[in-house]
Amino acid sequence: MHRHVVIRTKKPALSFHVDKRALGINFLLFLLLSAVIVLSIGLGSLHIPVWEVIKAFVGAGSEQNELIVLDWRLPRVVVSVMVGASLAVSGAILQSLVRNPLASPDLIGTTAGATAAAVAFITFAKDVSVQWMPLVALIGGLLTATLTYLTAWKGGVSPFRLALVGVCISAGMGALTIFFLIITQTHKASNALGWMTGTVYGTSWVNVMTLLPWTVLFLVATIFQIRYLNAQELGDDIAKGIGVAIDKKRLLLIAISVALAGAAVGVAGGISFIGLMAPHIARRLVGSAYGYLLPASAVLGGMLVVLADLIGRTVFLPHDLPAGIFTAAIGAPFFVYLLYKTRNHQ
């Protein structure tokens, strides 16, 4: 008498191979980010040498240097790193879900929804508190992404349908944002427009502590989904065959992506193209295994925002220009380049 044993796989059976090259590149990127942070803190209207920056870090610098380094410039750089890392990881997640290197948080309406919610908050709230902005933007991003997901649902959600619906809803959220700007008071509209450009100007430790819990929570949540992100790269049929609940995992990953992008937008506004550029550059450096791709994307995203902010506040002195201007200036031609490179694969 023969017995048939059915083995049900609850988790995708994906082995993890240590890629020493990718690991080494991640380590070098982290060192490079550290150097960029120290350099950025030292440069400005008042130049502070690197060794004086380090002395200020350990409490051995002058009172003036410690004030500039620890109270003024360090919070701005820390927020830049967190915003860049959040947007980059959000983009990397979406590129896995949609299986398209052109995907970014803008694709499913996350950024547009978060921006519309934040501008509505600025328009209608009597007192705009910085502590509430990430939550408001996150809720706006989640509602927009939910609308996108439900609209794209047809016995499941295909990547193509998700992207198409996302672009349409993003346009609608953009129109809603313009409406809020038109009906609000002039000074509020001016503040909202500056914020929408994407800036970390005037950030303090309050902003750091406001964004930190969201960033840490959802970056850690992403780490636990690396196995499933790798499975998504194999295609829906293979992922289902190795035990992945495609639609449930896709919904969870979209929620994490939206939360990361929404919180970042809530603090720094619309810093564009980081979610597109950083994951693509990381993929070229370390490959497509998400155990290496995610940290590389996060580091590169943080580095791009720090450098964009550094250019904005040093090259055009005495003006302090928004970092979003420079990420857009680099990201727009980068997007055209990617569009050209992938034209035969669409």
Protein backbone atom coordinates (compact mmCIF):
# COMPACT_ATOMS: atom_id res chain seq x y z
CA MET A 1 0.00 0.00 0.00
CA HIS A 2 1.49 3.27 -1.10
CA ARG A 3 1.12 6.43 0.86
CA HIS A 4 1.42 9.82 -0.71
CA VAL A 5 2.91 12.50 1.47
CA VAL A 6 2.12 16.10 0.60
CA ILE A 7 4.62 18.64 1.87
CA ARG A 8 3.34 22.17 2.14
CA THR A 9 5.91 24.91 1.98
CA LYS A 10 4.94 27.83 4.17
CA LYS A 11 7.98 29.92 3.40
CA PRO A 12 9.89 30.30 0.19
CA ALA A 13 12.85 27.94 0.22
CA LEU A 14 15.47 30.42 -0.88
CA SER A 15 19.04 29.81 0.16
CA PHE A 16 21.25 32.70 1.18
CA HIS A 17 24.67 32.90 -0.39
CA VAL A 18 27.26 35.25 1.07
CA ASP A 19 28.52 37.52 -1.69
CA LYS A 20 31.82 38.87 -0.39
CA ARG A 21 32.09 41.40 -3.20
CA ALA A 22 28.63 42.87 -2.52
CA LEU A 23 29.33 42.85 1.22
CA GLY A 24 32.60 44.71 0.66
CA ILE A 25 30.94 47.30 -1.58
CA ASN A 26 28.29 47.93 1.07
CA PHE A 27 31.03 48.48 3.64
CA LEU A 28 32.86 50.90 1.33
CA LEU A 29 29.61 52.78 0.66
CA PHE A 30 29.05 53.13 4.41
CA LEU A 31 32.56 54.54 4.85
CA LEU A 32 31.97 56.94 1.96
CA LEU A 33 28.69 58.10 3.52
CA SER A 34 30.48 58.70 6.84
CA ALA A 35 33.09 60.82 5.05
CA VAL A 36 30.40 62.79 3.19
CA ILE A 37 28.59 63.46 6.50
CA VAL A 38 31.72 64.83 8.17
CA LEU A 39 32.55 66.90 5.07
CA SER A 40 29.01 68.28 4.86
CA ILE A 41 29.00 69.28 8.53
CA GLY A 42 32.29 71.13 8.11
CA LEU A 43 31.30 73.10 5.03
CA GLY A 44 29.02 76.13 5.02
CA SER A 45 29.06 79.88 5.43
CA LEU A 46 31.53 79.24 8.26
CA HIS A 47 34.08 76.57 7.32
CA ILE A 48 35.06 74.14 10.09
CA PRO A 49 38.04 71.82 9.48
CA VAL A 50 37.44 68.08 9.65
CA TRP A 51 39.46 67.62 12.84
CA GLU A 52 37.47 70.39 14.53
CA VAL A 53 34.24 68.65 13.50
CA ILE A 54 35.47 65.42 15.09
CA LYS A 55 36.51 67.30 18.26
CA ALA A 56 33.02 68.81 18.42
CA PHE A 57 31.53 65.31 18.17
CA VAL A 58 33.41 64.15 21.27
CA GLY A 59 32.81 67.36 23.23
CA ALA A 60 36.36 68.68 22.91
CA GLY A 61 35.69 71.53 20.48
CA SER A 62 35.11 75.22 21.06
CA GLU A 63 31.72 76.41 22.24
CA GLN A 64 31.02 78.04 18.87
CA ASN A 65 31.99 74.95 16.87
CA GLU A 66 29.92 72.66 19.08
CA LEU A 67 26.90 74.92 18.64
CA ILE A 68 27.26 74.95 14.84
CA VAL A 69 28.10 71.25 14.51
CA LEU A 70 25.81 69.65 17.10
CA ASP A 71 22.82 71.99 17.15
CA TRP A 72 22.64 73.38 13.62
CA ARG A 73 24.30 71.17 11.03
CA LEU A 74 24.21 67.64 12.49
CA PRO A 75 20.38 67.46 12.79
CA ARG A 76 20.08 68.65 9.19
CA VAL A 77 22.46 65.95 7.97
CA VAL A 78 20.82 63.21 10.07
CA VAL A 79 17.39 64.10 8.66
CA SER A 80 18.88 64.12 5.15
CA VAL A 81 20.26 60.60 5.65
CA MET A 82 16.98 59.26 7.04
CA VAL A 83 14.89 60.87 4.30
CA GLY A 84 17.20 59.61 1.56
CA ALA A 85 17.36 56.09 3.01
CA SER A 86 13.57 55.90 3.41
CA LEU A 87 12.86 57.08 -0.13
CA ALA A 88 15.51 54.78 -1.59
CA VAL A 89 14.27 51.65 0.20
CA SER A 90 10.69 52.57 -0.70
CA GLY A 91 11.73 52.75 -4.35
CA ALA A 92 13.64 49.46 -4.16
CA ILE A 93 10.54 47.71 -2.80
CA LEU A 94 8.35 49.08 -5.58
CA GLN A 95 10.87 48.13 -8.25
CA SER A 96 10.68 44.56 -6.98
CA LEU A 97 6.86 44.54 -6.90
CA VAL A 98 6.42 46.10 -10.32
CA ARG A 99 9.55 44.43 -11.73
CA ASN A 100 10.44 47.66 -13.49
CA PRO A 101 13.58 49.80 -12.91
CA LEU A 102 11.50 52.93 -13.58
CA ALA A 103 9.31 52.36 -10.51
CA SER A 104 9.47 54.81 -7.61
CA PRO A 105 7.22 56.03 -4.75
CA ASP A 106 5.62 58.41 -7.25
CA LEU A 107 4.38 55.47 -9.30
CA ILE A 108 1.50 54.34 -7.09
CA GLY A 109 0.59 57.81 -5.87
CA THR A 110 2.46 57.63 -2.56
CA THR A 111 4.35 60.91 -2.90
CA ALA A 112 1.43 62.75 -4.50
CA GLY A 113 -1.00 61.55 -1.82
CA ALA A 114 1.38 62.39 1.01
CA THR A 115 1.98 65.84 -0.47
CA ALA A 116 -1.74 66.53 -0.92
CA ALA A 117 -2.45 65.51 2.69
CA ALA A 118 0.38 67.64 4.06
CA VAL A 119 -0.64 70.69 2.01
CA ALA A 120 -4.25 70.23 3.18
CA PHE A 121 -2.96 70.14 6.75
CA ILE A 122 -0.99 73.35 6.19
CA THR A 123 -4.07 74.93 4.56
CA PHE A 124 -6.72 74.10 7.15
CA ALA A 125 -4.83 73.66 10.44
CA LYS A 126 -4.57 76.70 12.68
CA ASP A 127 -1.23 75.64 14.15
CA VAL A 128 1.00 73.49 11.97
CA SER A 129 3.10 71.27 14.24
CA VAL A 130 6.14 69.55 12.78
CA GLN A 131 5.43 66.45 14.91
CA TRP A 132 2.17 65.83 13.06
CA MET A 133 3.48 66.24 9.51
CA PRO A 134 4.94 62.71 9.06
CA LEU A 135 1.75 61.13 10.38
CA VAL A 136 -0.48 63.30 8.19
CA ALA A 137 1.64 62.64 5.10
CA LEU A 138 1.81 58.92 5.90
CA ILE A 139 -1.99 58.73 6.19
CA GLY A 140 -2.35 60.58 2.88
CA GLY A 141 0.11 58.21 1.22
CA LEU A 142 -1.61 55.13 2.66
CA LEU A 143 -5.08 56.29 1.58
CA THR A 144 -3.84 57.04 -1.93
CA ALA A 145 -1.98 53.74 -2.21
CA THR A 146 -5.06 51.89 -0.92
CA LEU A 147 -7.20 53.60 -3.55
CA THR A 148 -4.64 52.67 -6.20
CA TYR A 149 -4.52 49.04 -5.01
CA LEU A 150 -8.31 48.63 -4.87
CA THR A 151 -8.81 50.28 -8.25
CA ALA A 152 -6.14 48.04 -9.80
CA TRP A 153 -7.62 44.88 -8.25
CA LYS A 154 -9.12 42.43 -10.71
CA GLY A 155 -8.89 38.97 -9.20
CA GLY A 156 -5.43 40.03 -8.05
CA VAL A 157 -3.12 42.95 -8.83
CA SER A 158 -0.82 42.82 -11.82
CA PRO A 159 2.29 45.06 -11.81
CA PHE A 160 1.28 46.74 -15.08
CA ARG A 161 -2.24 47.58 -13.90
CA LEU A 162 -0.88 48.87 -10.58
CA ALA A 163 1.54 51.20 -12.36
CA LEU A 164 -1.09 52.48 -14.81
CA VAL A 165 -3.67 53.24 -12.11
CA GLY A 166 -0.97 54.80 -9.90
CA VAL A 167 0.02 57.30 -12.58
CA CYS A 168 -3.62 58.35 -13.04
CA ILE A 169 -4.26 58.77 -9.31
CA SER A 170 -0.99 60.70 -8.89
CA ALA A 171 -2.25 63.20 -11.45
CA GLY A 172 -5.51 63.55 -9.50
CA MET A 173 -3.63 64.13 -6.22
CA GLY A 174 -1.48 66.74 -7.95
CA ALA A 175 -4.61 68.63 -9.04
CA LEU A 176 -5.99 68.43 -5.50
CA THR A 177 -2.74 69.88 -4.13
CA ILE A 178 -2.97 72.83 -6.53
CA PHE A 179 -6.57 73.41 -5.42
CA PHE A 180 -5.47 73.61 -1.77
CA LEU A 181 -2.72 76.08 -2.69
CA ILE A 182 -5.21 78.31 -4.53
CA ILE A 183 -7.75 78.51 -1.72
CA THR A 184 -5.31 78.99 1.17
CA GLN A 185 -3.85 82.23 2.51
CA THR A 186 -0.85 83.68 0.68
CA HIS A 187 1.71 83.10 3.44
CA LYS A 188 0.54 79.50 3.90
CA ALA A 189 0.75 78.88 0.15
CA SER A 190 4.27 80.29 0.14
CA ASN A 191 5.32 77.97 2.98
CA ALA A 192 3.70 74.99 1.30
CA LEU A 193 5.38 75.68 -2.04
CA GLY A 194 8.81 75.90 -0.40
CA TRP A 195 8.17 72.66 1.44
CA MET A 196 6.89 70.91 -1.72
CA THR A 197 10.17 71.60 -3.48
CA GLY A 198 11.89 69.32 -0.99
CA THR A 199 14.07 70.84 1.70
CA VAL A 200 15.70 70.05 5.04
CA TYR A 201 16.30 73.74 5.78
CA GLY A 202 15.72 74.67 9.41
CA THR A 203 15.54 71.09 10.68
CA SER A 204 16.38 70.49 14.33
CA TRP A 205 16.58 67.60 16.77
CA VAL A 206 12.79 67.82 17.03
CA ASN A 207 12.58 66.82 13.36
CA VAL A 208 15.11 64.05 13.94
CA MET A 209 13.14 62.56 16.83
CA THR A 210 9.89 62.96 14.88
CA LEU A 211 11.16 60.99 11.87
CA LEU A 212 13.42 58.50 13.67
CA PRO A 213 10.73 56.08 14.98
CA TRP A 214 9.04 55.80 11.58
CA THR A 215 12.34 55.26 9.77
CA VAL A 216 13.67 52.61 12.17
CA LEU A 217 10.36 50.75 12.47
CA PHE A 218 9.74 50.37 8.75
CA LEU A 219 13.37 49.77 7.75
CA VAL A 220 13.46 46.91 10.27
CA ALA A 221 10.13 45.64 8.89
CA THR A 222 11.68 45.65 5.41
CA ILE A 223 14.58 43.47 6.60
CA PHE A 224 12.10 40.74 7.56
CA GLN A 225 10.68 40.83 4.02
CA ILE A 226 13.97 40.35 2.15
CA ARG A 227 13.17 36.68 1.45
CA TYR A 228 9.89 37.63 -0.20
CA LEU A 229 11.37 40.51 -2.15
CA ASN A 230 13.83 38.06 -3.68
CA ALA A 231 10.93 35.72 -4.45
CA GLN A 232 9.05 38.54 -6.19
CA GLU A 233 11.96 38.92 -8.60
CA LEU A 234 11.34 35.37 -9.85
CA GLY A 235 7.84 36.19 -11.11
CA ASP A 236 4.39 35.43 -9.71
CA ASP A 237 4.16 31.81 -10.87
CA ILE A 238 7.49 30.73 -9.38
CA ALA A 239 6.88 32.73 -6.19
CA LYS A 240 3.52 31.00 -5.73
CA GLY A 241 5.17 27.64 -6.41
CA ILE A 242 7.59 28.10 -3.51
CA GLY A 243 4.87 29.09 -1.08
CA VAL A 244 4.56 32.86 -1.26
CA ALA A 245 1.07 34.33 -0.73
CA ILE A 246 1.55 36.83 -3.54
CA ASP A 247 -1.33 39.23 -2.96
CA LYS A 248 -0.94 39.35 0.84
CA LYS A 249 2.81 39.94 0.62
CA ARG A 250 2.38 42.51 -2.13
CA LEU A 251 -0.10 44.43 0.01
CA LEU A 252 2.23 44.30 3.03
CA LEU A 253 5.24 45.45 1.00
CA ILE A 254 3.25 48.29 -0.56
CA ALA A 255 2.21 49.38 2.95
CA ILE A 256 5.86 49.41 4.12
CA SER A 257 6.94 51.30 1.01
CA VAL A 258 4.17 53.86 1.45
CA ALA A 259 4.97 54.33 5.14
CA LEU A 260 8.66 54.97 4.45
CA ALA A 261 7.98 57.44 1.64
CA GLY A 262 5.08 59.14 3.44
CA ALA A 263 7.03 59.81 6.63
CA ALA A 264 9.99 61.15 4.63
CA VAL A 265 7.75 63.46 2.60
CA GLY A 266 6.11 64.67 5.81
CA VAL A 267 9.43 66.01 7.11
CA ALA A 268 11.32 67.03 3.97
CA GLY A 269 8.64 67.55 1.33
CA GLY A 270 8.86 66.33 -2.24
CA ILE A 271 12.53 65.40 -2.68
CA SER A 272 12.13 63.66 -6.01
CA PHE A 273 13.90 60.86 -7.90
CA ILE A 274 15.80 59.42 -4.90
CA GLY A 275 13.55 56.36 -4.97
CA LEU A 276 14.40 55.94 -8.64
CA MET A 277 18.13 56.67 -8.72
CA ALA A 278 19.49 55.07 -5.56
CA PRO A 279 18.10 51.51 -6.07
CA HIS A 280 19.16 51.52 -9.72
CA ILE A 281 22.74 52.58 -8.89
CA ALA A 282 22.83 50.06 -6.03
CA ARG A 283 21.69 47.27 -8.34
CA ARG A 284 24.56 48.05 -10.71
CA LEU A 285 27.03 47.92 -7.81
CA VAL A 286 25.89 44.93 -5.72
CA GLY A 287 23.45 42.99 -7.90
CA SER A 288 19.76 42.24 -7.38
CA ALA A 289 19.89 40.18 -4.16
CA TYR A 290 17.89 42.28 -1.72
CA GLY A 291 20.02 41.36 1.28
CA TYR A 292 22.71 43.55 -0.29
CA LEU A 293 20.57 45.79 -2.48
CA LEU A 294 18.51 47.32 0.34
CA PRO A 295 21.42 48.54 2.53
CA ALA A 296 23.27 49.81 -0.55
CA SER A 297 20.14 51.68 -1.70
CA ALA A 298 19.64 53.19 1.78
CA VAL A 299 23.24 54.40 1.99
CA LEU A 300 23.21 55.80 -1.55
CA GLY A 301 19.85 57.50 -0.97
CA GLY A 302 21.13 59.16 2.20
CA MET A 303 24.31 60.22 0.42
CA LEU A 304 22.43 61.75 -2.51
CA VAL A 305 20.22 63.88 -0.26
CA VAL A 306 23.18 64.99 1.91
CA LEU A 307 25.14 66.01 -1.20
CA ALA A 308 22.13 67.78 -2.74
CA ASP A 309 21.60 69.74 0.48
CA LEU A 310 25.32 70.51 0.71
CA ILE A 311 25.29 71.98 -2.81
CA GLY A 312 22.16 73.97 -2.05
CA ARG A 313 23.56 75.66 1.05
CA THR A 314 27.19 76.21 -0.04
CA VAL A 315 27.45 76.80 -3.80
CA PHE A 316 24.91 79.62 -3.95
CA LEU A 317 25.74 81.53 -0.76
CA PRO A 318 24.19 83.53 0.80
CA HIS A 319 21.12 81.68 -0.54
CA ASP A 320 20.08 78.31 0.89
CA LEU A 321 18.37 76.44 -1.96
CA PRO A 322 16.14 73.37 -1.45
CA ALA A 323 17.80 69.98 -1.93
CA GLY A 324 14.87 68.91 -4.11
CA ILE A 325 15.98 71.29 -6.86
CA PHE A 326 19.24 69.39 -7.30
CA THR A 327 17.82 65.88 -6.97
CA ALA A 328 15.31 66.81 -9.68
CA ALA A 329 18.06 68.34 -11.85
CA ILE A 330 19.99 65.05 -11.68
CA GLY A 331 17.00 62.72 -11.57
CA ALA A 332 15.12 64.00 -14.62
CA PRO A 333 17.91 63.23 -17.13
CA PHE A 334 18.63 60.00 -15.22
CA PHE A 335 15.00 58.98 -15.77
CA VAL A 336 15.27 59.78 -19.50
CA TYR A 337 18.45 57.68 -19.64
CA LEU A 338 16.70 54.73 -17.97
CA LEU A 339 13.73 55.14 -20.29
CA TYR A 340 16.07 54.99 -23.28
CA LYS A 341 17.98 51.98 -21.92
CA THR A 342 14.82 49.97 -21.21
CA ARG A 343 12.86 50.93 -24.33
CA ASN A 344 13.35 47.49 -25.91
CA HIS A 345 12.35 45.62 -22.74
CA GLN A 346 8.91 47.12 -22.24
